[in-house]
Structure formats: structure tokens, C-alpha cells
C-alpha atoms as a PDB file:
ATOM      1  CA  MET A   1      67.796 -70.503  72.171  1.00  0.00           C
ATOM      2  CA  LEU A   2      68.328 -66.905  73.770  1.00  0.00           C
ATOM      3  CA  LYS A   3      68.119 -64.439  70.624  1.00  0.00           C
ATOM      4  CA  GLN A   4      65.021 -67.299  69.572  1.00  0.00           C
ATOM      5  CA  SER A   5      63.521 -66.515  72.966  1.00  0.00           C
ATOM      6  CA  ILE A   6      64.205 -63.164  73.571  1.00  0.00           C
ATOM      7  CA  LYS A   7      62.061 -62.945  69.803  1.00  0.00           C
ATOM      8  CA  THR A   8      59.458 -64.990  70.982  1.00  0.00           C
ATOM      9  CA  ILE A   9      58.687 -62.012  74.836  1.00  0.00           C
ATOM     10  CA  VAL A  10      58.675 -59.661  72.167  1.00  0.00           C
ATOM     11  CA  ILE A  11      56.143 -60.953  70.169  1.00  0.00           C
ATOM     12  CA  ILE A  12      53.396 -61.708  72.710  1.00  0.00           C
ATOM     13  CA  LEU A  13      54.414 -58.591  74.058  1.00  0.00           C
ATOM     14  CA  LEU A  14      53.326 -56.638  70.766  1.00  0.00           C
ATOM     15  CA  ILE A  15      50.558 -59.566  70.955  1.00  0.00           C
ATOM     16  CA  LEU A  16      49.078 -58.625  74.195  1.00  0.00           C
ATOM     17  CA  ALA A  17      49.861 -54.374  73.640  1.00  0.00           C
ATOM     18  CA  THR A  18      47.462 -54.842  70.740  1.00  0.00           C
ATOM     19  CA  LEU A  19      44.375 -56.435  72.458  1.00  0.00           C
ATOM     20  CA  ILE A  20      44.853 -53.734  75.070  1.00  0.00           C
ATOM     21  CA  GLY A  21      44.026 -51.446  72.715  1.00  0.00           C
ATOM     22  CA  ILE A  22      41.505 -53.181  71.176  1.00  0.00           C
ATOM     23  CA  TYR A  23      39.630 -53.661  74.830  1.00  0.00           C
ATOM     24  CA  PHE A  24      40.006 -49.759  75.300  1.00  0.00           C
ATOM     25  CA  VAL A  25      39.369 -48.564  72.029  1.00  0.00           C
ATOM     26  CA  TYR A  26      35.379 -51.169  72.505  1.00  0.00           C
ATOM     27  CA  GLN A  27      35.233 -50.100  76.241  1.00  0.00           C
ATOM     28  CA  ASN A  28      35.197 -45.940  74.869  1.00  0.00           C
ATOM     29  CA  GLN A  29      32.596 -46.957  72.032  1.00  0.00           C
ATOM     30  CA  GLN A  30      30.432 -48.748  74.497  1.00  0.00           C
ATOM     31  CA  VAL A  31      31.002 -46.721  77.378  1.00  0.00           C
ATOM     32  CA  GLU A  32      31.781 -43.207  76.566  1.00  0.00           C
ATOM     33  CA  ALA A  33      29.085 -42.171  74.531  1.00  0.00           C
ATOM     34  CA  LEU A  34      29.755 -38.123  74.705  1.00  0.00           C
ATOM     35  CA  SER A  35      32.457 -35.570  73.572  1.00  0.00           C
ATOM     36  CA  LYS A  36      34.871 -33.582  75.192  1.00  0.00           C
ATOM     37  CA  TYR A  37      38.351 -32.141  75.413  1.00  0.00           C
ATOM     38  CA  GLY A  38      40.253 -33.722  72.813  1.00  0.00           C
ATOM     39  CA  SER A  39      37.394 -35.354  70.892  1.00  0.00           C
ATOM     40  CA  SER A  40      37.147 -35.014  67.404  1.00  0.00           C
ATOM     41  CA  GLY A  41      34.957 -36.189  64.536  1.00  0.00           C
ATOM     42  CA  GLU A  42      31.463 -35.647  62.921  1.00  0.00           C
ATOM     43  CA  GLU A  43      29.408 -35.256  66.575  1.00  0.00           C
ATOM     44  CA  VAL A  44      32.246 -32.272  67.676  1.00  0.00           C
ATOM     45  CA  ARG A  45      31.102 -30.168  64.585  1.00  0.00           C
ATOM     46  CA  GLN A  46      27.552 -31.142  65.265  1.00  0.00           C
ATOM     47  CA  ILE A  47      27.840 -29.598  68.240  1.00  0.00           C
ATOM     48  CA  GLN A  48      29.677 -27.333  66.746  1.00  0.00           C
ATOM     49  CA  GLU A  49      27.250 -25.359  63.733  1.00  0.00           C
ATOM     50  CA  LYS A  50      24.712 -25.826  67.078  1.00  0.00           C
ATOM     51  CA  LEU A  51      26.433 -23.535  70.004  1.00  0.00           C
ATOM     52  CA  LYS A  52      27.483 -21.094  66.617  1.00  0.00           C
ATOM     53  CA  ARG A  53      24.304 -20.674  65.796  1.00  0.00           C
ATOM     54  CA  TRP A  54      23.190 -20.012  69.315  1.00  0.00           C
ATOM     55  CA  GLY A  55      25.554 -17.309  69.453  1.00  0.00           C
ATOM     56  CA  TYR A  56      27.554 -19.588  71.985  1.00  0.00           C
ATOM     57  CA  TYR A  57      30.847 -20.240  69.518  1.00  0.00           C
ATOM     58  CA  ASN A  58      32.519 -17.881  67.464  1.00  0.00           C
ATOM     59  CA  GLY A  59      35.269 -20.823  66.598  1.00  0.00           C
ATOM     60  CA  ASN A  60      36.305 -22.774  63.229  1.00  0.00           C
ATOM     61  CA  VAL A  61      33.542 -25.350  62.764  1.00  0.00           C
ATOM     62  CA  ASP A  62      36.590 -28.129  62.687  1.00  0.00           C
ATOM     63  CA  GLY A  63      35.406 -31.029  64.363  1.00  0.00           C
ATOM     64  CA  ILE A  64      37.899 -30.619  66.921  1.00  0.00           C
ATOM     65  CA  TYR A  65      37.022 -30.497  70.682  1.00  0.00           C
ATOM     66  CA  GLY A  66      39.418 -27.335  71.777  1.00  0.00           C
ATOM     67  CA  SER A  67      39.564 -25.527  74.624  1.00  0.00           C
ATOM     68  CA  GLN A  68      36.718 -22.537  72.152  1.00  0.00           C
ATOM     69  CA  THR A  69      34.353 -26.033  72.099  1.00  0.00           C
ATOM     70  CA  THR A  70      34.872 -26.246  76.190  1.00  0.00           C
ATOM     71  CA  SER A  71      33.898 -22.758  76.764  1.00  0.00           C
ATOM     72  CA  ALA A  72      30.967 -22.455  74.929  1.00  0.00           C
ATOM     73  CA  VAL A  73      29.648 -25.664  75.914  1.00  0.00           C
ATOM     74  CA  LYS A  74      29.808 -24.276  79.551  1.00  0.00           C
ATOM     75  CA  ALA A  75      27.834 -21.690  78.514  1.00  0.00           C
ATOM     76  CA  PHE A  76      25.419 -23.756  76.868  1.00  0.00           C
ATOM     77  CA  GLN A  77      24.873 -25.495  79.990  1.00  0.00           C
ATOM     78  CA  LYS A  78      24.903 -22.147  82.298  1.00  0.00           C
ATOM     79  CA  LYS A  79      22.099 -20.984  80.390  1.00  0.00           C
ATOM     80  CA  ASN A  80      20.232 -24.179  80.103  1.00  0.00           C
ATOM     81  CA  GLY A  81      20.514 -25.236  83.447  1.00  0.00           C
ATOM     82  CA  LEU A  82      22.723 -27.441  83.203  1.00  0.00           C
ATOM     83  CA  ALA A  83      26.062 -29.267  85.147  1.00  0.00           C
ATOM     84  CA  VAL A  84      28.725 -26.528  84.123  1.00  0.00           C
ATOM     85  CA  ASP A  85      31.595 -28.878  82.858  1.00  0.00           C
ATOM     86  CA  GLY A  86      32.620 -28.116  79.587  1.00  0.00           C
ATOM     87  CA  ILE A  87      31.715 -32.431  78.518  1.00  0.00           C
ATOM     88  CA  ALA A  88      29.292 -33.184  76.340  1.00  0.00           C
ATOM     89  CA  GLY A  89      27.123 -35.640  78.184  1.00  0.00           C
ATOM     90  CA  SER A  90      23.811 -37.471  77.621  1.00  0.00           C
ATOM     91  CA  GLN A  91      22.060 -34.744  78.481  1.00  0.00           C
ATOM     92  CA  THR A  92      23.846 -32.132  77.267  1.00  0.00           C
ATOM     93  CA  LEU A  93      23.497 -33.772  74.274  1.00  0.00           C
ATOM     94  CA  THR A  94      20.188 -34.209  74.330  1.00  0.00           C
ATOM     95  CA  ALA A  95      18.968 -30.618  75.217  1.00  0.00           C
ATOM     96  CA  MET A  96      20.930 -29.484  72.344  1.00  0.00           C
ATOM     97  CA  GLY A  97      18.731 -31.797  70.084  1.00  0.00           C
ATOM     98  CA  ILE A  98      21.799 -34.436  69.385  1.00  0.00           C
ATOM     99  CA  THR A  99      21.822 -38.302  70.190  1.00  0.00           C
ATOM    100  CA  SER A 100      24.155 -40.730  69.586  1.00  0.00           C
ATOM    101  CA  ASN A 101      24.675 -41.765  65.418  1.00  0.00           C
ATOM    102  CA  GLN A 102      22.316 -38.613  65.154  1.00  0.00           C
ATOM    103  CA  SER A 103      20.816 -38.929  60.462  1.00  0.00           C
ATOM    104  CA  SER A 104      21.940 -36.208  58.624  1.00  0.00           C
ATOM    105  CA  SER A 105      18.512 -36.562  57.328  1.00  0.00           C
ATOM    106  CA  GLY A 106      16.326 -34.583  61.024  1.00  0.00           C
ATOM    107  CA  SER A 107      16.484 -30.845  59.175  1.00  0.00           C
ATOM    108  CA  SER A 108      15.905 -32.299  55.603  1.00  0.00           C
ATOM    109  CA  SER A 109      12.410 -34.273  56.700  1.00  0.00           C
ATOM    110  CA  SER A 110      11.397 -31.130  57.972  1.00  0.00           C
ATOM    111  CA  ARG A 111       8.247 -30.266  55.470  1.00  0.00           C
ATOM    112  CA  PRO A 112       8.657 -25.820  55.060  1.00  0.00           C
ATOM    113  CA  SER A 113       4.922 -26.121  55.914  1.00  0.00           C
ATOM    114  CA  ASP A 114       5.835 -27.407  59.336  1.00  0.00           C
ATOM    115  CA  VAL A 115       9.211 -25.325  59.953  1.00  0.00           C
ATOM    116  CA  ASN A 116       6.527 -21.994  58.604  1.00  0.00           C
ATOM    117  CA  LEU A 117       3.770 -22.914  61.320  1.00  0.00           C
ATOM    118  CA  ILE A 118       5.763 -23.014  64.226  1.00  0.00           C
ATOM    119  CA  ALA A 119       7.399 -20.170  63.634  1.00  0.00           C
ATOM    120  CA  ARG A 120       4.324 -18.304  63.138  1.00  0.00           C
ATOM    121  CA  ALA A 121       3.167 -19.464  66.427  1.00  0.00           C
ATOM    122  CA  ILE A 122       6.893 -18.693  68.144  1.00  0.00           C
ATOM    123  CA  TYR A 123       6.601 -15.167  66.506  1.00  0.00           C
ATOM    124  CA  GLY A 124       3.389 -14.836  67.169  1.00  0.00           C
ATOM    125  CA  GLU A 125       3.885 -16.160  71.445  1.00  0.00           C
ATOM    126  CA  ALA A 126       6.927 -15.357  71.885  1.00  0.00           C
ATOM    127  CA  ARG A 127       8.993 -12.960  69.726  1.00  0.00           C
ATOM    128  CA  GLY A 128       9.940 -10.739  72.825  1.00  0.00           C
ATOM    129  CA  GLU A 129      11.950 -14.178  74.151  1.00  0.00           C
ATOM    130  CA  SER A 130      15.898 -15.351  74.455  1.00  0.00           C
ATOM    131  CA  TYR A 131      16.230 -17.163  71.016  1.00  0.00           C
ATOM    132  CA  VAL A 132      16.313 -20.407  73.642  1.00  0.00           C
ATOM    133  CA  GLY A 133      12.894 -19.190  74.676  1.00  0.00           C
ATOM    134  CA  GLN A 134      11.445 -19.515  71.779  1.00  0.00           C
ATOM    135  CA  VAL A 135      13.002 -22.006  70.512  1.00  0.00           C
ATOM    136  CA  ALA A 136      11.560 -23.976  73.799  1.00  0.00           C
ATOM    137  CA  VAL A 137       7.546 -22.469  72.275  1.00  0.00           C
ATOM    138  CA  GLY A 138       8.722 -24.772  69.479  1.00  0.00           C
ATOM    139  CA  ALA A 139       9.818 -27.605  71.713  1.00  0.00           C
ATOM    140  CA  VAL A 140       6.311 -27.215  73.422  1.00  0.00           C
ATOM    141  CA  ILE A 141       4.993 -28.281  70.789  1.00  0.00           C
ATOM    142  CA  MET A 142       6.905 -30.971  69.407  1.00  0.00           C
ATOM    143  CA  ASN A 143       6.263 -32.302  72.565  1.00  0.00           C
ATOM    144  CA  ARG A 144       2.479 -31.605  72.199  1.00  0.00           C
ATOM    145  CA  VAL A 145       2.552 -34.022  68.523  1.00  0.00           C
ATOM    146  CA  LYS A 146       4.549 -36.800  70.305  1.00  0.00           C
ATOM    147  CA  SER A 147       1.652 -37.465  73.118  1.00  0.00           C
ATOM    148  CA  SER A 148      -1.383 -39.121  73.773  1.00  0.00           C
ATOM    149  CA  LYS A 149      -2.861 -36.169  75.332  1.00  0.00           C
ATOM    150  CA  PHE A 150      -3.201 -33.720  72.233  1.00  0.00           C
ATOM    151  CA  PRO A 151      -3.138 -34.560  68.667  1.00  0.00           C
ATOM    152  CA  ASN A 152      -0.971 -36.368  66.466  1.00  0.00           C
ATOM    153  CA  THR A 153       0.010 -33.306  63.960  1.00  0.00           C
ATOM    154  CA  ILE A 154       1.851 -30.120  64.579  1.00  0.00           C
ATOM    155  CA  ALA A 155      -1.703 -28.190  62.653  1.00  0.00           C
ATOM    156  CA  GLY A 156      -3.986 -29.851  65.124  1.00  0.00           C
ATOM    157  CA  VAL A 157      -1.034 -29.002  67.849  1.00  0.00           C
ATOM    158  CA  VAL A 158      -1.831 -25.607  66.693  1.00  0.00           C
ATOM    159  CA  TYR A 159      -4.991 -25.151  66.112  1.00  0.00           C
ATOM    160  CA  GLN A 160      -6.476 -27.055  68.932  1.00  0.00           C
ATOM    161  CA  LYS A 161      -9.303 -24.536  70.252  1.00  0.00           C
ATOM    162  CA  GLY A 162      -7.857 -22.406  73.400  1.00  0.00           C
ATOM    163  CA  ALA A 163      -4.220 -23.660  72.969  1.00  0.00           C
ATOM    164  CA  PHE A 164      -2.784 -20.681  72.116  1.00  0.00           C
ATOM    165  CA  ASP A 165      -2.967 -16.961  72.794  1.00  0.00           C
ATOM    166  CA  ALA A 166      -1.544 -16.677  69.031  1.00  0.00           C
ATOM    167  CA  VAL A 167      -4.246 -18.337  67.364  1.00  0.00           C
ATOM    168  CA  SER A 168      -7.094 -16.544  69.586  1.00  0.00           C
ATOM    169  CA  ASP A 169      -6.303 -13.448  69.317  1.00  0.00           C
ATOM    170  CA  GLY A 170      -4.521 -13.196  65.102  1.00  0.00           C
ATOM    171  CA  GLN A 171      -0.945 -13.095  65.777  1.00  0.00           C
ATOM    172  CA  ILE A 172      -0.733 -16.499  64.076  1.00  0.00           C
ATOM    173  CA  ASN A 173      -1.408 -14.870  60.670  1.00  0.00           C
ATOM    174  CA  LEU A 174       2.181 -12.564  61.466  1.00  0.00           C
ATOM    175  CA  ASN A 175       5.032 -13.022  59.111  1.00  0.00           C
ATOM    176  CA  PRO A 176       7.790 -14.757  60.873  1.00  0.00           C
ATOM    177  CA  ASP A 177      11.031 -13.020  61.283  1.00  0.00           C
ATOM    178  CA  ASN A 178      14.746 -15.208  60.564  1.00  0.00           C
ATOM    179  CA  THR A 179      14.764 -15.723  64.030  1.00  0.00           C
ATOM    180  CA  ALA A 180      11.645 -17.665  64.837  1.00  0.00           C
ATOM    181  CA  LYS A 181      12.289 -19.866  61.797  1.00  0.00           C
ATOM    182  CA  LYS A 182      15.483 -20.347  62.714  1.00  0.00           C
ATOM    183  CA  ALA A 183      14.171 -21.134  66.433  1.00  0.00           C
ATOM    184  CA  ALA A 184      10.885 -23.796  64.216  1.00  0.00           C
ATOM    185  CA  GLN A 185      13.907 -25.139  62.636  1.00  0.00           C
ATOM    186  CA  ASP A 186      16.144 -26.483  65.713  1.00  0.00           C
ATOM    187  CA  ALA A 187      12.596 -27.011  66.958  1.00  0.00           C
ATOM    188  CA  LEU A 188      12.074 -29.917  64.401  1.00  0.00           C
ATOM    189  CA  ASN A 189      15.103 -30.758  64.494  1.00  0.00           C
ATOM    190  CA  GLY A 190      14.919 -32.385  68.253  1.00  0.00           C
ATOM    191  CA  TRP A 191      16.558 -29.410  70.638  1.00  0.00           C
ATOM    192  CA  ASP A 192      14.280 -29.386  73.350  1.00  0.00           C
ATOM    193  CA  PRO A 193      15.774 -27.131  75.963  1.00  0.00           C
ATOM    194  CA  THR A 194      12.063 -27.643  78.192  1.00  0.00           C
ATOM    195  CA  TYR A 195      13.012 -31.124  79.091  1.00  0.00           C
ATOM    196  CA  GLY A 196      10.220 -32.872  77.895  1.00  0.00           C
ATOM    197  CA  ALA A 197       7.532 -30.020  78.262  1.00  0.00           C
ATOM    198  CA  ILE A 198       3.989 -29.758  77.189  1.00  0.00           C
ATOM    199  CA  TYR A 199       2.446 -27.033  78.693  1.00  0.00           C
ATOM    200  CA  TYR A 200       3.685 -23.096  79.314  1.00  0.00           C
ATOM    201  CA  PHE A 201       2.351 -19.560  80.854  1.00  0.00           C
ATOM    202  CA  ASN A 202       3.413 -16.654  82.120  1.00  0.00           C
ATOM    203  CA  PRO A 203       3.591 -16.509  85.694  1.00  0.00           C
ATOM    204  CA  ASN A 204       2.813 -12.649  85.824  1.00  0.00           C
ATOM    205  CA  THR A 205      -0.498 -13.038  83.738  1.00  0.00           C
ATOM    206  CA  ALA A 206      -2.144 -16.583  84.483  1.00  0.00           C
ATOM    207  CA  THR A 207      -5.037 -16.645  85.998  1.00  0.00           C
ATOM    208  CA  ASN A 208      -5.971 -20.256  84.958  1.00  0.00           C
ATOM    209  CA  ALA A 209      -5.334 -22.428  88.759  1.00  0.00           C
ATOM    210  CA  TRP A 210      -4.726 -25.193  86.891  1.00  0.00           C
ATOM    211  CA  ILE A 211      -2.394 -25.019  85.358  1.00  0.00           C
ATOM    212  CA  TRP A 212      -0.439 -23.346  88.268  1.00  0.00           C
ATOM    213  CA  SER A 213      -0.659 -27.102  89.867  1.00  0.00           C
ATOM    214  CA  ARG A 214       1.333 -28.820  86.735  1.00  0.00           C
ATOM    215  CA  PRO A 215       5.027 -30.193  87.224  1.00  0.00           C
ATOM    216  CA  MET A 216       7.257 -27.124  86.238  1.00  0.00           C
ATOM    217  CA  THR A 217      10.344 -28.047  84.715  1.00  0.00           C
ATOM    218  CA  ILE A 218      11.622 -24.874  83.984  1.00  0.00           C
ATOM    219  CA  THR A 219      12.191 -21.279  83.962  1.00  0.00           C
ATOM    220  CA  ILE A 220      13.173 -19.311  80.484  1.00  0.00           C
ATOM    221  CA  GLY A 221      12.297 -15.590  80.651  1.00  0.00           C
ATOM    222  CA  LYS A 222       8.979 -14.873  81.133  1.00  0.00           C
ATOM    223  CA  HIS A 223       7.598 -18.601  80.579  1.00  0.00           C
ATOM    224  CA  ARG A 224       7.281 -21.239  82.953  1.00  0.00           C
ATOM    225  CA  PHE A 225       7.131 -24.345  81.431  1.00  0.00           C
ATOM    226  CA  CYS A 226       4.906 -27.638  83.122  1.00  0.00           C
ATOM    227  CA  LYS A 227       4.726 -30.977  82.483  1.00  0.00           C
END
């Protein structure tokens, strides 16, 4: 009788432990939409690939969030004005152009002509800027495409009258380098270090009083980005 009671208690405890485990897994899936030290999987791999491409990460792209990945995320966060905690939370993932359940079709759906046009605009407007600064110019183009205030195509945005100096002075016709092409692809893939900006200007050369009235989102290099 005693043995039967002990067996029943053990079974009940095992069932409770299983239910508790399932509960915590469910909670983590629902609440914790982020990657941090100890995480693993496809999202971590995407983080590592992007950080490696941008020069923050020198380790293996293995999908394991270790100390090297943590340090690289911190460096990225510091460079982009984010909270430096080494955790790839929602803001950091957004800044990297990574969204939850992101499909792998992002880069494959980009037309070569779009990449080339954005790259030429980036090269003409910001080839002296840092890599992040070049992506930022591409991000402004993409943000304008999404905005109802501007044309809804990349070509329409780039060639809108008076929109970009590179078009006015002919630098849009220069052949972009590989850095500009990579920056264009990152902008097309969704990386937005400007936090939604649709304008940018150089405070040292800007003469338009109106542009100074726009709410600033961030300054990257010589360019001030605003909405």
C-alpha cells in the first residue's frame, strides 16, 4: 500500500514538473522576443551575420549567443545611440533590420536595379560617411517610399525634383563602390539607423531655414536626420 502511494506521488510530481516546464516554455515564446547571452537559433545567426558584415563581430556565425556576440551587440548599440546592455531586444533588432519571424526572402526579393539606384544615390550623397551613415541615407529613401508625402517607388523618390543634390549635380551617375552597394542592400533589407527619418541635412552647409525646424532623430557623421 505504501509503495503504491509513493508511486502515485512520484507520478503526480512528474506530471506537475512537465506542466510547469511547458508553461515556462510557452511564456518565453510569448514574452521574450529577444536574443541574449545563452540564446541560440536562426535569429542569433542573423544577428551575427549582420554584425560581421558591418565589422562589429569577428567570431564564427554559429547561431550561438556567446561573449563575442554580446560584445559585438554592445559595440553596435553604443554606435547607434541605444541602451548598451548586450541584449538584442526589440529596439536593437529593429535598428539591425531584423523582425520577429523574419522571412529569408528579404534580400532575394530586392531587384538589382533598385539596389543599384540606391547605391548610386548613397555614393553620390554620402561616400565620405561611415558605413552606418551610408546605410542611413538609403534608409531615408526607403522611409520616403513608405510615406504618403513622397512618391511610392524608389526611382520616384530618388529622382523627385530637388530631393537629392546628387541628382542635381550629376553625381547620381557615378559608379558606386562595393560599400555603397552593401549599404543599399542593408537599407532594402530594413536596417534603419535613422529611426524613421525622412529628411537629412548637413548643419554646416544647410541654408534652408525650414529644414532646421524638423524634429531630429539622430546625428550620424556630418548628417542630421529628422522627420
